[in-house]
C-alpha atoms as a PDB file:
ATOM      1  CA  UNK A   1     104.520  72.924  93.693  1.00  0.00           C
ATOM      2  CA  UNK A   2     107.643  74.317  95.337  1.00  0.00           C
ATOM      3  CA  UNK A   3     107.518  77.508  97.322  1.00  0.00           C
ATOM      4  CA  UNK A   4     110.252  80.093  97.046  1.00  0.00           C
ATOM      5  CA  UNK A   5     111.228  81.304 100.469  1.00  0.00           C
ATOM      6  CA  UNK A   6     112.875  84.458 101.683  1.00  0.00           C
ATOM      7  CA  UNK A   7     114.218  85.521 105.042  1.00  0.00           C
ATOM      8  CA  UNK A   8     112.416  88.370 106.773  1.00  0.00           C
ATOM      9  CA  UNK A   9     113.774  89.644 110.043  1.00  0.00           C
ATOM     10  CA  UNK A  10     111.331  91.709 112.077  1.00  0.00           C
ATOM     11  CA  UNK A  11     111.264  93.201 115.536  1.00  0.00           C
ATOM     12  CA  UNK A  12     107.998  92.566 117.377  1.00  0.00           C
ATOM     13  CA  UNK A  13     106.527  93.578 120.643  1.00  0.00           C
ATOM     14  CA  UNK A  14     107.077  90.719 123.118  1.00  0.00           C
ATOM     15  CA  UNK A  15     103.329  90.192 123.648  1.00  0.00           C
ATOM     16  CA  UNK A  16     102.742  89.865 119.903  1.00  0.00           C
ATOM     17  CA  UNK A  17     105.604  87.403 119.610  1.00  0.00           C
ATOM     18  CA  UNK A  18     104.036  85.314 122.382  1.00  0.00           C
ATOM     19  CA  UNK A  19     100.691  85.315 120.571  1.00  0.00           C
ATOM     20  CA  UNK A  20     102.401  84.052 117.404  1.00  0.00           C
ATOM     21  CA  UNK A  21     104.268  81.445 119.430  1.00  0.00           C
ATOM     22  CA  UNK A  22     100.998  80.267 121.031  1.00  0.00           C
ATOM     23  CA  UNK A  23      99.313  80.100 117.603  1.00  0.00           C
ATOM     24  CA  UNK A  24     102.220  78.063 116.246  1.00  0.00           C
ATOM     25  CA  UNK A  25     102.148  75.679 119.185  1.00  0.00           C
ATOM     26  CA  UNK A  26      98.378  75.250 118.959  1.00  0.00           C
ATOM     27  CA  UNK A  27      98.616  74.376 115.247  1.00  0.00           C
ATOM     28  CA  UNK A  28     101.792  72.242 115.543  1.00  0.00           C
ATOM     29  CA  UNK A  29     103.864  74.707 113.503  1.00  0.00           C
ATOM     30  CA  UNK A  30     107.137  76.483 114.001  1.00  0.00           C
ATOM     31  CA  UNK A  31     107.330  80.268 114.333  1.00  0.00           C
ATOM     32  CA  UNK A  32     108.310  80.701 110.698  1.00  0.00           C
ATOM     33  CA  UNK A  33     105.355  78.710 109.377  1.00  0.00           C
ATOM     34  CA  UNK A  34     102.883  80.412 111.694  1.00  0.00           C
ATOM     35  CA  UNK A  35     104.182  83.882 110.834  1.00  0.00           C
ATOM     36  CA  UNK A  36     103.922  83.167 107.102  1.00  0.00           C
ATOM     37  CA  UNK A  37     100.364  81.888 107.445  1.00  0.00           C
ATOM     38  CA  UNK A  38      99.261  84.817 109.591  1.00  0.00           C
ATOM     39  CA  UNK A  39     100.815  87.355 107.219  1.00  0.00           C
ATOM     40  CA  UNK A  40      99.113  85.673 104.282  1.00  0.00           C
ATOM     41  CA  UNK A  41      95.750  85.794 106.053  1.00  0.00           C
ATOM     42  CA  UNK A  42      96.253  89.451 106.933  1.00  0.00           C
ATOM     43  CA  UNK A  43      96.926  90.373 103.297  1.00  0.00           C
ATOM     44  CA  UNK A  44      93.920  88.346 102.096  1.00  0.00           C
ATOM     45  CA  UNK A  45      91.804  90.331 104.534  1.00  0.00           C
ATOM     46  CA  UNK A  46      93.252  93.648 103.346  1.00  0.00           C
ATOM     47  CA  UNK A  47      92.638  92.748  99.701  1.00  0.00           C
ATOM     48  CA  UNK A  48      88.977  92.031 100.439  1.00  0.00           C
ATOM     49  CA  UNK A  49      88.292  95.364 102.162  1.00  0.00           C
ATOM     50  CA  UNK A  50      86.424  97.955 100.100  1.00  0.00           C
ATOM     51  CA  UNK A  51      88.237 101.195  99.366  1.00  0.00           C
ATOM     52  CA  UNK A  52      86.437 104.222 100.739  1.00  0.00           C
ATOM     53  CA  UNK A  53      86.447 107.454  98.792  1.00  0.00           C
ATOM     54  CA  UNK A  54      88.122 109.121 101.785  1.00  0.00           C
ATOM     55  CA  UNK A  55      91.051 106.659 101.469  1.00  0.00           C
ATOM     56  CA  UNK A  56      91.982 108.012  98.046  1.00  0.00           C
ATOM     57  CA  UNK A  57      94.481 110.856  98.085  1.00  0.00           C
ATOM     58  CA  UNK A  58      93.462 113.287  95.378  1.00  0.00           C
ATOM     59  CA  UNK A  59      95.201 116.277  96.873  1.00  0.00           C
ATOM     60  CA  UNK A  60      97.197 117.051  93.729  1.00  0.00           C
ATOM     61  CA  UNK A  61      94.584 116.247  91.101  1.00  0.00           C
ATOM     62  CA  UNK A  62      92.159 118.404  89.260  1.00  0.00           C
ATOM     63  CA  UNK A  63      88.853 117.425  87.768  1.00  0.00           C
ATOM     64  CA  UNK A  64      87.580 119.225  84.742  1.00  0.00           C
ATOM     65  CA  UNK A  65      84.317 118.700  82.955  1.00  0.00           C
ATOM     66  CA  UNK A  66      84.623 119.395  79.260  1.00  0.00           C
ATOM     67  CA  UNK A  67      81.425 119.608  77.343  1.00  0.00           C
ATOM     68  CA  UNK A  68      81.453 118.961  73.625  1.00  0.00           C
ATOM     69  CA  UNK A  69      85.200 118.418  73.411  1.00  0.00           C
ATOM     70  CA  UNK A  70      85.983 118.156  69.740  1.00  0.00           C
ATOM     71  CA  UNK A  71      89.026 116.565  68.147  1.00  0.00           C
ATOM     72  CA  UNK A  72      92.466 117.876  69.037  1.00  0.00           C
ATOM     73  CA  UNK A  73      93.758 120.863  67.133  1.00  0.00           C
ATOM     74  CA  UNK A  74      97.040 120.655  65.238  1.00  0.00           C
ATOM     75  CA  UNK A  75      98.662 122.828  67.912  1.00  0.00           C
ATOM     76  CA  UNK A  76      97.517 120.407  70.663  1.00  0.00           C
ATOM     77  CA  UNK A  77      98.781 117.417  68.692  1.00  0.00           C
ATOM     78  CA  UNK A  78     102.156 119.108  68.208  1.00  0.00           C
ATOM     79  CA  UNK A  79     102.389 119.795  71.958  1.00  0.00           C
ATOM     80  CA  UNK A  80     101.554 116.181  72.757  1.00  0.00           C
ATOM     81  CA  UNK A  81     104.260 114.944  70.387  1.00  0.00           C
ATOM     82  CA  UNK A  82     106.816 117.180  72.112  1.00  0.00           C
ATOM     83  CA  UNK A  83     105.820 115.796  75.503  1.00  0.00           C
ATOM     84  CA  UNK A  84     106.063 112.217  74.278  1.00  0.00           C
ATOM     85  CA  UNK A  85     109.504 112.799  72.780  1.00  0.00           C
ATOM     86  CA  UNK A  86     110.777 114.160  76.096  1.00  0.00           C
ATOM     87  CA  UNK A  87     109.659 110.987  77.876  1.00  0.00           C
ATOM     88  CA  UNK A  88     111.896 108.802  75.660  1.00  0.00           C
END
């Protein structure tokens, strides 16, 4: 399997760069390899974190509870069709 590579230029704090350099040296890697591995691990960690309800931005949403909502009226269907046509 071949890996597609891309160039990413970043500015790091000198102490962080030294930590990456030490990690690379310890694992017999170059800076590029070590940085790629560490970024991959960081994203794996982020993907595994649960999302808290407080993390969700629902500032511009509204929640409505509709009891016994029947089928759409012809006027509502007509309005929906107009909205869908505008999106095209």
